[in-house]
Amino acid sequence: MKKIIKTLILLLVISPTIFASSINFSSGYTTLSMKEGNQQVSLNNSAYVKIDNLELTADQIDISGENYNDIECNNNVKFIDSENEITLRCSSLKYNQSTKVLLINGWVEINDLKNNIFATASYLKYDLENSLLDLMIEVKLLHDSDNSIMKCNSDSLRFDMQNNNLSLLGNSKVIWQNNTYSAQAISINLENNDISMDGNIEADITTE
């Protein structure tokens, strides 16, 4: 009975910001485990976590690991990177604060307002430290450029945000301004829309 009372007192007086100076959270129902080697915070019902410029919302969010570095979200997940103006929607994700790597193993929608990009895939790895976004499995991407929608399909895709470059690999296809480009690998410079192709190249170009 004393142990139960002590746990309740901890839940009532503990501050959400004790785990790291840059993390805050809220939810409809919160449980906390302080067991040595297995510390964990479980947020349920409108769970919300904010880490600097990152925001996560979900039906359930678990924060655990050494220094509470590991964050796992499940059901109706939304991830916002306000610095890069990127929003992700999925059913589950994992994020490690130490490595700054986010993983999504399942269907995901990506909305990049800064670069006018919308994409979908069945796997995502977002390396925030190196500004690299990797997509795999049935990748589809739309890019609004020069008042025309660029459509990209491939088995996998890497978005290098620092160099503003898209690298498509495997069954790559780009449709833009009534032209179609197909190859094993296609690279797109988003600064000037230059398209480079390699392997099994095909192109259907419309001339005026």
N, C-alpha and C. Protein backbone atom coordinates (compact mmCIF):
# COMPACT_ATOMS: atom_id res chain seq x y z
N MET A 1 0.82 -1.20 0.00
CA MET A 1 0.00 0.00 0.00
C MET A 1 0.86 1.25 0.00
N LYS A 2 1.96 1.24 0.83
CA LYS A 2 2.85 2.40 0.88
C LYS A 2 3.50 2.64 -0.49
N LYS A 3 3.86 1.53 -1.18
CA LYS A 3 4.48 1.65 -2.49
C LYS A 3 3.53 2.30 -3.50
N ILE A 4 2.24 1.93 -3.42
CA ILE A 4 1.25 2.51 -4.33
C ILE A 4 1.10 4.00 -4.07
N ILE A 5 1.04 4.37 -2.79
CA ILE A 5 0.90 5.78 -2.43
C ILE A 5 2.10 6.58 -2.90
N LYS A 6 3.31 6.02 -2.72
CA LYS A 6 4.53 6.69 -3.13
C LYS A 6 4.53 6.92 -4.64
N THR A 7 4.08 5.91 -5.39
CA THR A 7 4.02 6.04 -6.84
C THR A 7 3.05 7.13 -7.25
N LEU A 8 1.91 7.20 -6.60
CA LEU A 8 0.93 8.23 -6.90
C LEU A 8 1.47 9.62 -6.61
N ILE A 9 2.21 9.76 -5.52
CA ILE A 9 2.79 11.05 -5.17
C ILE A 9 3.80 11.48 -6.25
N LEU A 10 4.61 10.52 -6.71
CA LEU A 10 5.57 10.83 -7.78
C LEU A 10 4.87 11.32 -9.02
N LEU A 11 3.78 10.66 -9.39
CA LEU A 11 3.03 11.04 -10.58
C LEU A 11 2.44 12.43 -10.45
N LEU A 12 2.09 12.81 -9.23
CA LEU A 12 1.46 14.11 -9.02
C LEU A 12 2.45 15.26 -8.99
N VAL A 13 3.63 15.04 -8.43
CA VAL A 13 4.54 16.17 -8.23
C VAL A 13 5.68 16.22 -9.22
N ILE A 14 5.91 15.15 -9.99
CA ILE A 14 7.07 15.15 -10.87
C ILE A 14 6.85 16.08 -12.06
N SER A 15 7.90 16.78 -12.47
CA SER A 15 7.79 17.69 -13.59
C SER A 15 8.17 16.98 -14.87
N PRO A 16 7.42 17.18 -15.98
CA PRO A 16 7.74 16.53 -17.25
C PRO A 16 9.10 16.94 -17.80
N THR A 17 9.68 18.03 -17.31
CA THR A 17 10.92 18.53 -17.88
C THR A 17 12.15 18.01 -17.14
N ILE A 18 12.00 17.07 -16.19
CA ILE A 18 13.16 16.60 -15.46
C ILE A 18 14.08 15.73 -16.30
N PHE A 19 13.55 15.12 -17.37
CA PHE A 19 14.33 14.16 -18.13
C PHE A 19 15.36 14.84 -19.02
N ALA A 20 15.04 15.98 -19.55
CA ALA A 20 15.96 16.75 -20.37
C ALA A 20 15.42 18.17 -20.44
N SER A 21 16.31 19.13 -20.50
CA SER A 21 15.89 20.53 -20.46
C SER A 21 15.08 20.92 -21.68
N SER A 22 15.17 20.11 -22.76
CA SER A 22 14.52 20.48 -24.00
C SER A 22 13.29 19.64 -24.32
N ILE A 23 12.83 18.79 -23.39
CA ILE A 23 11.68 17.94 -23.67
C ILE A 23 10.51 18.27 -22.74
N ASN A 24 9.33 18.37 -23.33
CA ASN A 24 8.09 18.58 -22.57
C ASN A 24 7.04 17.63 -23.11
N PHE A 25 6.10 17.23 -22.24
CA PHE A 25 5.07 16.32 -22.72
C PHE A 25 3.77 16.55 -21.96
N SER A 26 2.68 16.05 -22.55
CA SER A 26 1.37 16.10 -21.91
C SER A 26 0.52 14.97 -22.47
N SER A 27 -0.53 14.59 -21.75
CA SER A 27 -1.44 13.54 -22.22
C SER A 27 -2.65 13.51 -21.30
N GLY A 28 -3.66 12.74 -21.72
CA GLY A 28 -4.83 12.58 -20.87
C GLY A 28 -4.56 11.67 -19.69
N TYR A 29 -3.64 10.71 -19.89
CA TYR A 29 -3.30 9.75 -18.82
C TYR A 29 -1.83 9.42 -18.93
N THR A 30 -1.10 9.53 -17.83
CA THR A 30 0.35 9.30 -17.82
C THR A 30 0.73 8.33 -16.72
N THR A 31 1.60 7.36 -17.06
CA THR A 31 2.17 6.49 -16.04
C THR A 31 3.69 6.61 -16.09
N LEU A 32 4.32 6.44 -14.94
CA LEU A 32 5.76 6.62 -14.82
C LEU A 32 6.37 5.47 -14.05
N SER A 33 7.42 4.87 -14.61
CA SER A 33 8.17 3.83 -13.91
C SER A 33 9.58 4.32 -13.65
N MET A 34 10.01 4.30 -12.38
CA MET A 34 11.35 4.75 -12.01
C MET A 34 12.26 3.58 -11.66
N LYS A 35 11.86 2.36 -12.02
CA LYS A 35 12.65 1.17 -11.72
C LYS A 35 14.02 1.28 -12.37
N GLU A 36 15.07 1.04 -11.59
CA GLU A 36 16.43 1.17 -12.08
C GLU A 36 16.67 0.26 -13.29
N GLY A 37 17.17 0.86 -14.37
CA GLY A 37 17.43 0.12 -15.59
C GLY A 37 16.22 -0.03 -16.49
N ASN A 38 15.08 0.45 -16.03
CA ASN A 38 13.86 0.33 -16.83
C ASN A 38 12.96 1.54 -16.63
N GLN A 39 13.56 2.73 -16.64
CA GLN A 39 12.77 3.95 -16.49
C GLN A 39 11.92 4.17 -17.74
N GLN A 40 10.68 4.51 -17.53
CA GLN A 40 9.79 4.70 -18.67
C GLN A 40 8.63 5.63 -18.33
N VAL A 41 8.28 6.47 -19.28
CA VAL A 41 7.09 7.31 -19.19
C VAL A 41 6.15 6.87 -20.30
N SER A 42 4.93 6.57 -19.96
CA SER A 42 3.94 6.15 -20.94
C SER A 42 2.81 7.18 -20.97
N LEU A 43 2.59 7.78 -22.14
CA LEU A 43 1.57 8.80 -22.34
C LEU A 43 0.44 8.22 -23.17
N ASN A 44 -0.79 8.38 -22.71
CA ASN A 44 -1.96 7.86 -23.43
C ASN A 44 -3.04 8.92 -23.51
N ASN A 45 -3.86 8.80 -24.56
CA ASN A 45 -4.97 9.73 -24.79
C ASN A 45 -4.44 11.13 -25.12
N SER A 46 -4.42 11.46 -26.40
CA SER A 46 -3.93 12.76 -26.88
C SER A 46 -2.52 13.04 -26.39
N ALA A 47 -1.64 12.05 -26.57
CA ALA A 47 -0.24 12.19 -26.13
C ALA A 47 0.48 13.22 -26.99
N TYR A 48 1.32 14.03 -26.33
CA TYR A 48 2.05 15.11 -27.02
C TYR A 48 3.44 15.24 -26.42
N VAL A 49 4.45 15.32 -27.29
CA VAL A 49 5.84 15.50 -26.86
C VAL A 49 6.46 16.59 -27.72
N LYS A 50 7.19 17.50 -27.07
CA LYS A 50 7.90 18.56 -27.80
C LYS A 50 9.37 18.51 -27.40
N ILE A 51 10.26 18.42 -28.40
CA ILE A 51 11.70 18.41 -28.19
C ILE A 51 12.30 19.49 -29.09
N ASP A 52 12.63 20.62 -28.51
CA ASP A 52 13.15 21.75 -29.30
C ASP A 52 12.18 22.09 -30.43
N ASN A 53 12.61 21.92 -31.68
CA ASN A 53 11.74 22.27 -32.81
C ASN A 53 10.92 21.09 -33.32
N LEU A 54 10.94 19.96 -32.59
CA LEU A 54 10.20 18.77 -33.00
C LEU A 54 8.95 18.59 -32.14
N GLU A 55 7.84 18.19 -32.77
CA GLU A 55 6.60 17.91 -32.05
C GLU A 55 6.06 16.56 -32.51
N LEU A 56 5.62 15.76 -31.53
CA LEU A 56 5.03 14.46 -31.83
C LEU A 56 3.69 14.34 -31.12
N THR A 57 2.68 13.86 -31.85
CA THR A 57 1.38 13.57 -31.26
C THR A 57 0.97 12.17 -31.68
N ALA A 58 0.26 11.46 -30.80
CA ALA A 58 -0.19 10.10 -31.08
C ALA A 58 -1.18 9.67 -30.01
N ASP A 59 -1.84 8.53 -30.24
CA ASP A 59 -2.70 7.98 -29.20
C ASP A 59 -1.86 7.53 -28.01
N GLN A 60 -0.66 7.01 -28.29
CA GLN A 60 0.23 6.55 -27.22
C GLN A 60 1.67 6.88 -27.56
N ILE A 61 2.40 7.41 -26.59
CA ILE A 61 3.82 7.70 -26.74
C ILE A 61 4.55 7.17 -25.52
N ASP A 62 5.59 6.35 -25.75
CA ASP A 62 6.41 5.82 -24.67
C ASP A 62 7.81 6.43 -24.75
N ILE A 63 8.30 6.92 -23.62
CA ILE A 63 9.64 7.51 -23.53
C ILE A 63 10.46 6.65 -22.58
N SER A 64 11.59 6.11 -23.07
CA SER A 64 12.35 5.16 -22.25
C SER A 64 13.83 5.21 -22.63
N GLY A 65 14.60 4.25 -22.08
CA GLY A 65 16.01 4.15 -22.40
C GLY A 65 16.89 5.02 -21.53
N GLU A 66 18.20 4.92 -21.74
CA GLU A 66 19.15 5.72 -21.00
C GLU A 66 18.92 7.20 -21.26
N ASN A 67 18.78 7.97 -20.17
CA ASN A 67 18.47 9.40 -20.28
C ASN A 67 17.19 9.66 -21.07
N TYR A 68 16.32 8.65 -21.10
CA TYR A 68 15.03 8.77 -21.80
C TYR A 68 15.23 9.18 -23.26
N ASN A 69 16.21 8.56 -23.91
CA ASN A 69 16.54 8.90 -25.29
C ASN A 69 15.57 8.31 -26.30
N ASP A 70 14.91 7.19 -25.97
CA ASP A 70 14.08 6.47 -26.94
C ASP A 70 12.62 6.87 -26.84
N ILE A 71 12.06 7.25 -27.97
CA ILE A 71 10.65 7.64 -28.03
C ILE A 71 9.95 6.78 -29.07
N GLU A 72 8.85 6.16 -28.67
CA GLU A 72 8.06 5.33 -29.58
C GLU A 72 6.62 5.81 -29.59
N CYS A 73 6.09 6.06 -30.78
CA CYS A 73 4.72 6.54 -30.94
C CYS A 73 3.89 5.50 -31.68
N ASN A 74 2.61 5.36 -31.26
CA ASN A 74 1.73 4.39 -31.90
C ASN A 74 0.32 4.96 -32.08
N ASN A 75 -0.24 4.72 -33.26
CA ASN A 75 -1.62 5.05 -33.62
C ASN A 75 -1.82 6.56 -33.79
N ASN A 76 -2.29 6.92 -35.01
CA ASN A 76 -2.58 8.31 -35.36
C ASN A 76 -1.39 9.23 -35.07
N VAL A 77 -0.24 8.82 -35.59
CA VAL A 77 1.00 9.53 -35.29
C VAL A 77 1.21 10.70 -36.25
N LYS A 78 1.63 11.83 -35.66
CA LYS A 78 1.99 13.01 -36.45
C LYS A 78 3.30 13.56 -35.91
N PHE A 79 4.25 13.77 -36.81
CA PHE A 79 5.57 14.29 -36.45
C PHE A 79 5.79 15.60 -37.21
N ILE A 80 6.19 16.65 -36.50
CA ILE A 80 6.43 17.95 -37.13
C ILE A 80 7.85 18.41 -36.83
N ASP A 81 8.59 18.69 -37.89
CA ASP A 81 9.91 19.32 -37.78
C ASP A 81 9.72 20.76 -38.27
N SER A 82 9.51 21.68 -37.35
CA SER A 82 9.16 23.05 -37.72
C SER A 82 10.33 23.78 -38.38
N GLU A 83 11.55 23.42 -38.03
CA GLU A 83 12.71 24.08 -38.63
C GLU A 83 12.80 23.81 -40.13
N ASN A 84 12.54 22.56 -40.52
CA ASN A 84 12.60 22.18 -41.94
C ASN A 84 11.23 22.15 -42.60
N GLU A 85 10.19 22.51 -41.85
CA GLU A 85 8.81 22.56 -42.36
C GLU A 85 8.37 21.22 -42.93
N ILE A 86 8.71 20.15 -42.20
CA ILE A 86 8.35 18.79 -42.63
C ILE A 86 7.34 18.19 -41.66
N THR A 87 6.28 17.59 -42.20
CA THR A 87 5.28 16.89 -41.41
C THR A 87 5.18 15.45 -41.89
N LEU A 88 5.22 14.52 -40.95
CA LEU A 88 5.08 13.10 -41.26
C LEU A 88 3.82 12.56 -40.60
N ARG A 89 3.09 11.70 -41.29
CA ARG A 89 1.92 11.03 -40.73
C ARG A 89 2.07 9.53 -40.95
N CYS A 90 1.82 8.74 -39.90
CA CYS A 90 2.00 7.29 -39.98
C CYS A 90 1.27 6.63 -38.81
N SER A 91 1.37 5.31 -38.72
CA SER A 91 0.72 4.60 -37.62
C SER A 91 1.67 4.34 -36.45
N SER A 92 2.98 4.36 -36.73
CA SER A 92 3.96 4.18 -35.64
C SER A 92 5.32 4.71 -36.07
N LEU A 93 6.11 5.12 -35.10
CA LEU A 93 7.47 5.57 -35.39
C LEU A 93 8.34 5.43 -34.15
N LYS A 94 9.66 5.42 -34.37
CA LYS A 94 10.63 5.41 -33.29
C LYS A 94 11.63 6.52 -33.52
N TYR A 95 11.99 7.22 -32.43
CA TYR A 95 12.96 8.30 -32.54
C TYR A 95 13.94 8.22 -31.39
N ASN A 96 15.24 8.34 -31.73
CA ASN A 96 16.29 8.32 -30.72
C ASN A 96 16.87 9.73 -30.59
N GLN A 97 16.78 10.30 -29.40
CA GLN A 97 17.25 11.66 -29.20
C GLN A 97 18.77 11.77 -29.31
N SER A 98 19.48 10.71 -28.95
CA SER A 98 20.93 10.73 -28.96
C SER A 98 21.48 10.73 -30.39
N THR A 99 20.97 9.82 -31.22
CA THR A 99 21.45 9.73 -32.61
C THR A 99 20.70 10.68 -33.53
N LYS A 100 19.56 11.19 -33.07
CA LYS A 100 18.70 12.06 -33.88
C LYS A 100 18.25 11.36 -35.17
N VAL A 101 17.92 10.08 -35.03
CA VAL A 101 17.44 9.29 -36.16
C VAL A 101 16.01 8.84 -35.89
N LEU A 102 15.13 9.06 -36.86
CA LEU A 102 13.73 8.66 -36.77
C LEU A 102 13.48 7.54 -37.76
N LEU A 103 12.78 6.48 -37.32
CA LEU A 103 12.49 5.34 -38.17
C LEU A 103 10.98 5.09 -38.23
N ILE A 104 10.49 4.82 -39.44
CA ILE A 104 9.10 4.43 -39.63
C ILE A 104 9.08 3.19 -40.50
N ASN A 105 8.61 2.09 -39.96
CA ASN A 105 8.52 0.83 -40.70
C ASN A 105 7.05 0.56 -41.00
N GLY A 106 6.57 1.17 -42.07
CA GLY A 106 5.16 1.08 -42.43
C GLY A 106 4.79 2.29 -43.28
N TRP A 107 3.55 2.36 -43.66
CA TRP A 107 3.08 3.43 -44.55
C TRP A 107 3.31 4.80 -43.92
N VAL A 108 3.82 5.73 -44.73
CA VAL A 108 4.09 7.07 -44.23
C VAL A 108 3.80 8.10 -45.31
N GLU A 109 3.28 9.25 -44.89
CA GLU A 109 3.07 10.39 -45.77
C GLU A 109 3.99 11.52 -45.33
N ILE A 110 4.65 12.13 -46.31
CA ILE A 110 5.61 13.20 -46.03
C ILE A 110 5.14 14.47 -46.71
N ASN A 111 5.06 15.56 -45.96
CA ASN A 111 4.68 16.85 -46.53
C ASN A 111 5.78 17.86 -46.19
N ASP A 112 6.50 18.29 -47.22
CA ASP A 112 7.62 19.22 -47.07
C ASP A 112 7.20 20.57 -47.67
N LEU A 113 6.78 21.49 -46.82
CA LEU A 113 6.29 22.78 -47.29
C LEU A 113 7.40 23.66 -47.84
N LYS A 114 8.59 23.53 -47.28
CA LYS A 114 9.72 24.36 -47.72
C LYS A 114 10.08 24.09 -49.17
N ASN A 115 10.01 22.81 -49.57
CA ASN A 115 10.40 22.43 -50.93
C ASN A 115 9.22 22.04 -51.81
N ASN A 116 8.01 22.27 -51.33
CA ASN A 116 6.80 21.93 -52.10
C ASN A 116 6.80 20.47 -52.54
N ILE A 117 7.04 19.58 -51.56
CA ILE A 117 7.12 18.15 -51.84
C ILE A 117 6.08 17.39 -51.01
N PHE A 118 5.41 16.45 -51.66
CA PHE A 118 4.54 15.50 -50.96
C PHE A 118 4.95 14.11 -51.43
N ALA A 119 5.15 13.19 -50.48
CA ALA A 119 5.62 11.85 -50.84
C ALA A 119 4.98 10.79 -49.96
N THR A 120 4.97 9.56 -50.48
CA THR A 120 4.50 8.40 -49.70
C THR A 120 5.49 7.26 -49.90
N ALA A 121 5.57 6.39 -48.91
CA ALA A 121 6.45 5.22 -48.98
C ALA A 121 6.02 4.25 -47.89
N SER A 122 6.68 3.09 -47.84
CA SER A 122 6.37 2.09 -46.82
C SER A 122 7.51 1.92 -45.81
N TYR A 123 8.53 2.77 -45.93
CA TYR A 123 9.63 2.77 -44.96
C TYR A 123 10.32 4.12 -45.03
N LEU A 124 10.69 4.65 -43.87
CA LEU A 124 11.36 5.95 -43.82
C LEU A 124 12.44 5.95 -42.75
N LYS A 125 13.56 6.56 -43.10
CA LYS A 125 14.61 6.86 -42.13
C LYS A 125 14.97 8.33 -42.28
N TYR A 126 14.83 9.08 -41.19
CA TYR A 126 15.11 10.51 -41.21
C TYR A 126 16.27 10.78 -40.27
N ASP A 127 17.42 11.08 -40.86
CA ASP A 127 18.63 11.41 -40.11
C ASP A 127 18.68 12.93 -39.97
N LEU A 128 18.20 13.44 -38.84
CA LEU A 128 18.12 14.88 -38.66
C LEU A 128 19.49 15.53 -38.53
N GLU A 129 20.44 14.79 -37.97
CA GLU A 129 21.79 15.32 -37.77
C GLU A 129 22.45 15.65 -39.10
N ASN A 130 22.24 14.79 -40.10
CA ASN A 130 22.87 14.96 -41.41
C ASN A 130 21.91 15.43 -42.49
N SER A 131 20.67 15.75 -42.10
CA SER A 131 19.65 16.26 -43.03
C SER A 131 19.44 15.32 -44.22
N LEU A 132 19.29 14.02 -43.91
CA LEU A 132 19.06 13.02 -44.94
C LEU A 132 17.73 12.31 -44.68
N LEU A 133 16.91 12.23 -45.72
CA LEU A 133 15.62 11.56 -45.63
C LEU A 133 15.61 10.41 -46.63
N ASP A 134 15.56 9.16 -46.13
CA ASP A 134 15.55 7.98 -46.98
C ASP A 134 14.17 7.34 -46.99
N LEU A 135 13.68 7.05 -48.20
CA LEU A 135 12.38 6.40 -48.38
C LEU A 135 12.59 5.10 -49.14
N MET A 136 11.81 4.08 -48.79
CA MET A 136 11.91 2.79 -49.48
C MET A 136 10.53 2.18 -49.66
N ILE A 137 10.41 1.33 -50.68
CA ILE A 137 9.24 0.50 -50.99
C ILE A 137 8.08 1.35 -51.53
N GLU A 138 7.84 1.21 -52.83
CA GLU A 138 6.73 1.89 -53.51
C GLU A 138 6.76 3.40 -53.25
N VAL A 139 7.91 3.99 -53.51
CA VAL A 139 8.07 5.42 -53.26
C VAL A 139 7.40 6.23 -54.36
N LYS A 140 6.58 7.18 -53.94
CA LYS A 140 5.95 8.11 -54.87
C LYS A 140 6.15 9.53 -54.33
N LEU A 141 6.56 10.43 -55.21
CA LEU A 141 6.84 11.81 -54.77
C LEU A 141 6.31 12.80 -55.80
N LEU A 142 5.69 13.86 -55.30
CA LEU A 142 5.23 14.96 -56.13
C LEU A 142 5.97 16.23 -55.71
N HIS A 143 6.48 16.96 -56.72
CA HIS A 143 7.21 18.19 -56.44
C HIS A 143 6.65 19.31 -57.32
N ASP A 144 6.16 20.36 -56.68
CA ASP A 144 5.61 21.51 -57.40
C ASP A 144 6.77 22.42 -57.80
N SER A 145 7.08 22.45 -59.11
CA SER A 145 8.23 23.21 -59.58
C SER A 145 7.90 23.93 -60.88
N ASP A 146 8.23 25.22 -60.94
CA ASP A 146 8.02 26.02 -62.15
C ASP A 146 6.59 25.89 -62.66
N ASN A 147 5.64 25.97 -61.73
CA ASN A 147 4.22 25.89 -62.07
C ASN A 147 3.84 24.58 -62.76
N SER A 148 4.63 23.53 -62.50
CA SER A 148 4.35 22.22 -63.06
C SER A 148 4.66 21.16 -62.00
N ILE A 149 3.84 20.12 -61.96
CA ILE A 149 4.04 19.06 -60.97
C ILE A 149 5.00 18.00 -61.53
N MET A 150 6.09 17.78 -60.81
CA MET A 150 7.04 16.73 -61.16
C MET A 150 6.65 15.47 -60.39
N LYS A 151 6.42 14.36 -61.12
CA LYS A 151 6.02 13.10 -60.51
C LYS A 151 7.18 12.12 -60.54
N CYS A 152 7.52 11.58 -59.38
CA CYS A 152 8.65 10.65 -59.28
C CYS A 152 8.21 9.34 -58.65
N ASN A 153 8.62 8.22 -59.24
CA ASN A 153 8.39 6.88 -58.69
C ASN A 153 9.71 6.12 -58.66
N SER A 154 9.93 5.32 -57.61
CA SER A 154 11.14 4.50 -57.55
C SER A 154 11.03 3.49 -56.42
N ASP A 155 11.96 2.53 -56.41
CA ASP A 155 12.00 1.57 -55.31
C ASP A 155 12.50 2.23 -54.03
N SER A 156 13.46 3.13 -54.17
CA SER A 156 13.98 3.86 -53.02
C SER A 156 14.36 5.28 -53.44
N LEU A 157 14.44 6.16 -52.46
CA LEU A 157 14.74 7.56 -52.75
C LEU A 157 15.46 8.18 -51.56
N ARG A 158 16.49 8.97 -51.85
CA ARG A 158 17.17 9.73 -50.80
C ARG A 158 17.03 11.22 -51.10
N PHE A 159 16.58 11.97 -50.09
CA PHE A 159 16.48 13.43 -50.20
C PHE A 159 17.59 14.02 -49.34
N ASP A 160 18.60 14.59 -50.01
CA ASP A 160 19.70 15.27 -49.33
C ASP A 160 19.31 16.73 -49.19
N MET A 161 18.87 17.12 -48.00
CA MET A 161 18.35 18.47 -47.80
C MET A 161 19.44 19.54 -47.82
N GLN A 162 20.64 19.18 -47.42
CA GLN A 162 21.72 20.15 -47.44
C GLN A 162 22.10 20.55 -48.85
N ASN A 163 22.09 19.58 -49.75
CA ASN A 163 22.44 19.85 -51.15
C ASN A 163 21.22 19.98 -52.05
N ASN A 164 20.03 19.87 -51.45
CA ASN A 164 18.78 20.02 -52.19
C ASN A 164 18.74 19.10 -53.41
N ASN A 165 18.98 17.81 -53.16
CA ASN A 165 19.08 16.84 -54.24
C ASN A 165 18.25 15.59 -53.95
N LEU A 166 17.56 15.09 -54.97
CA LEU A 166 16.82 13.84 -54.89
C LEU A 166 17.57 12.76 -55.65
N SER A 167 17.75 11.59 -55.02
CA SER A 167 18.40 10.46 -55.69
C SER A 167 17.44 9.28 -55.69
N LEU A 168 16.95 8.90 -56.88
CA LEU A 168 16.04 7.79 -57.04
C LEU A 168 16.82 6.56 -57.49
N LEU A 169 16.49 5.39 -56.93
CA LEU A 169 17.20 4.17 -57.28
C LEU A 169 16.22 3.01 -57.42
N GLY A 170 16.33 2.29 -58.55
CA GLY A 170 15.49 1.12 -58.78
C GLY A 170 14.17 1.46 -59.43
N ASN A 171 13.99 1.04 -60.70
CA ASN A 171 12.74 1.32 -61.43
C ASN A 171 12.34 2.79 -61.32
N SER A 172 13.31 3.66 -61.54
CA SER A 172 13.08 5.09 -61.36
C SER A 172 12.38 5.70 -62.58
N LYS A 173 11.42 6.55 -62.29
CA LYS A 173 10.66 7.20 -63.36
C LYS A 173 10.27 8.61 -62.93
N VAL A 174 10.48 9.56 -63.83
CA VAL A 174 10.13 10.95 -63.57
C VAL A 174 9.28 11.48 -64.72
N ILE A 175 8.15 12.07 -64.40
CA ILE A 175 7.29 12.71 -65.40
C ILE A 175 7.22 14.19 -65.06
N TRP A 176 7.63 15.04 -66.00
CA TRP A 176 7.66 16.48 -65.72
C TRP A 176 7.56 17.26 -67.03
N GLN A 177 6.65 18.22 -67.04
CA GLN A 177 6.43 19.08 -68.20
C GLN A 177 6.22 18.27 -69.48
N ASN A 178 5.35 17.26 -69.38
CA ASN A 178 4.98 16.40 -70.50
C ASN A 178 6.12 15.52 -71.01
N ASN A 179 7.22 15.45 -70.25
CA ASN A 179 8.34 14.59 -70.60
C ASN A 179 8.44 13.45 -69.60
N THR A 180 8.86 12.27 -70.08
CA THR A 180 8.99 11.11 -69.22
C THR A 180 10.43 10.60 -69.27
N TYR A 181 11.02 10.38 -68.08
CA TYR A 181 12.39 9.89 -67.98
C TYR A 181 12.37 8.60 -67.15
N SER A 182 13.02 7.56 -67.67
CA SER A 182 13.09 6.28 -66.97
C SER A 182 14.54 5.79 -66.95
N ALA A 183 14.95 5.23 -65.80
CA ALA A 183 16.32 4.70 -65.68
C ALA A 183 16.42 3.90 -64.40
N GLN A 184 17.55 3.20 -64.24
CA GLN A 184 17.79 2.50 -62.98
C GLN A 184 18.00 3.50 -61.86
N ALA A 185 18.72 4.59 -62.17
CA ALA A 185 18.98 5.63 -61.17
C ALA A 185 18.77 7.00 -61.80
N ILE A 186 18.10 7.88 -61.06
CA ILE A 186 17.86 9.25 -61.52
C ILE A 186 18.18 10.21 -60.39
N SER A 187 18.90 11.27 -60.72
CA SER A 187 19.24 12.30 -59.74
C SER A 187 18.62 13.63 -60.19
N ILE A 188 18.03 14.34 -59.24
CA ILE A 188 17.37 15.62 -59.55
C ILE A 188 17.91 16.71 -58.63
N ASN A 189 18.44 17.76 -59.24
CA ASN A 189 18.87 18.94 -58.49
C ASN A 189 17.67 19.87 -58.36
N LEU A 190 17.17 20.04 -57.16
CA LEU A 190 15.97 20.84 -56.95
C LEU A 190 16.22 22.34 -57.09
N GLU A 191 17.49 22.74 -57.11
CA GLU A 191 17.81 24.16 -57.29
C GLU A 191 17.51 24.61 -58.72
N ASN A 192 17.85 23.76 -59.70
CA ASN A 192 17.66 24.14 -61.10
C ASN A 192 16.88 23.11 -61.92
N ASN A 193 16.42 22.02 -61.23
CA ASN A 193 15.64 20.95 -61.86
C ASN A 193 16.44 20.17 -62.91
N ASP A 194 17.76 20.18 -62.81
CA ASP A 194 18.57 19.34 -63.70
C ASP A 194 18.33 17.86 -63.36
N ILE A 195 18.17 17.04 -64.40
CA ILE A 195 17.91 15.62 -64.24
C ILE A 195 19.07 14.82 -64.84
N SER A 196 19.66 13.93 -64.02
CA SER A 196 20.73 13.05 -64.49
C SER A 196 20.25 11.61 -64.38
N MET A 197 20.61 10.77 -65.37
CA MET A 197 20.14 9.39 -65.39
C MET A 197 21.30 8.42 -65.61
N ASP A 198 21.14 7.20 -65.09
CA ASP A 198 22.17 6.19 -65.25
C ASP A 198 21.53 4.80 -65.26
N GLY A 199 21.89 3.97 -66.25
CA GLY A 199 21.43 2.59 -66.31
C GLY A 199 20.06 2.42 -66.94
N ASN A 200 20.00 1.71 -68.08
CA ASN A 200 18.73 1.42 -68.77
C ASN A 200 17.92 2.69 -69.02
N ILE A 201 18.57 3.66 -69.62
CA ILE A 201 17.97 4.97 -69.80
C ILE A 201 16.95 4.97 -70.93
N GLU A 202 15.78 5.55 -70.64
CA GLU A 202 14.76 5.80 -71.66
C GLU A 202 14.18 7.19 -71.40
N ALA A 203 13.83 7.87 -72.51
CA ALA A 203 13.26 9.21 -72.37
C ALA A 203 12.24 9.45 -73.46
N ASP A 204 11.16 10.05 -73.10
CA ASP A 204 10.12 10.43 -74.06
C ASP A 204 9.92 11.94 -73.89
N ILE A 205 10.55 12.71 -74.79
CA ILE A 205 10.59 14.16 -74.65
C ILE A 205 9.72 14.80 -75.72
N THR A 206 8.84 15.69 -75.27
CA THR A 206 7.94 16.40 -76.17
C THR A 206 8.57 17.73 -76.57
N THR A 207 8.66 18.00 -77.86
CA THR A 207 9.20 19.26 -78.35
C THR A 207 8.09 20.08 -78.98
N GLU A 208 8.19 21.36 -78.82
CA GLU A 208 7.18 22.25 -79.41
C GLU A 208 7.49 22.53 -80.88
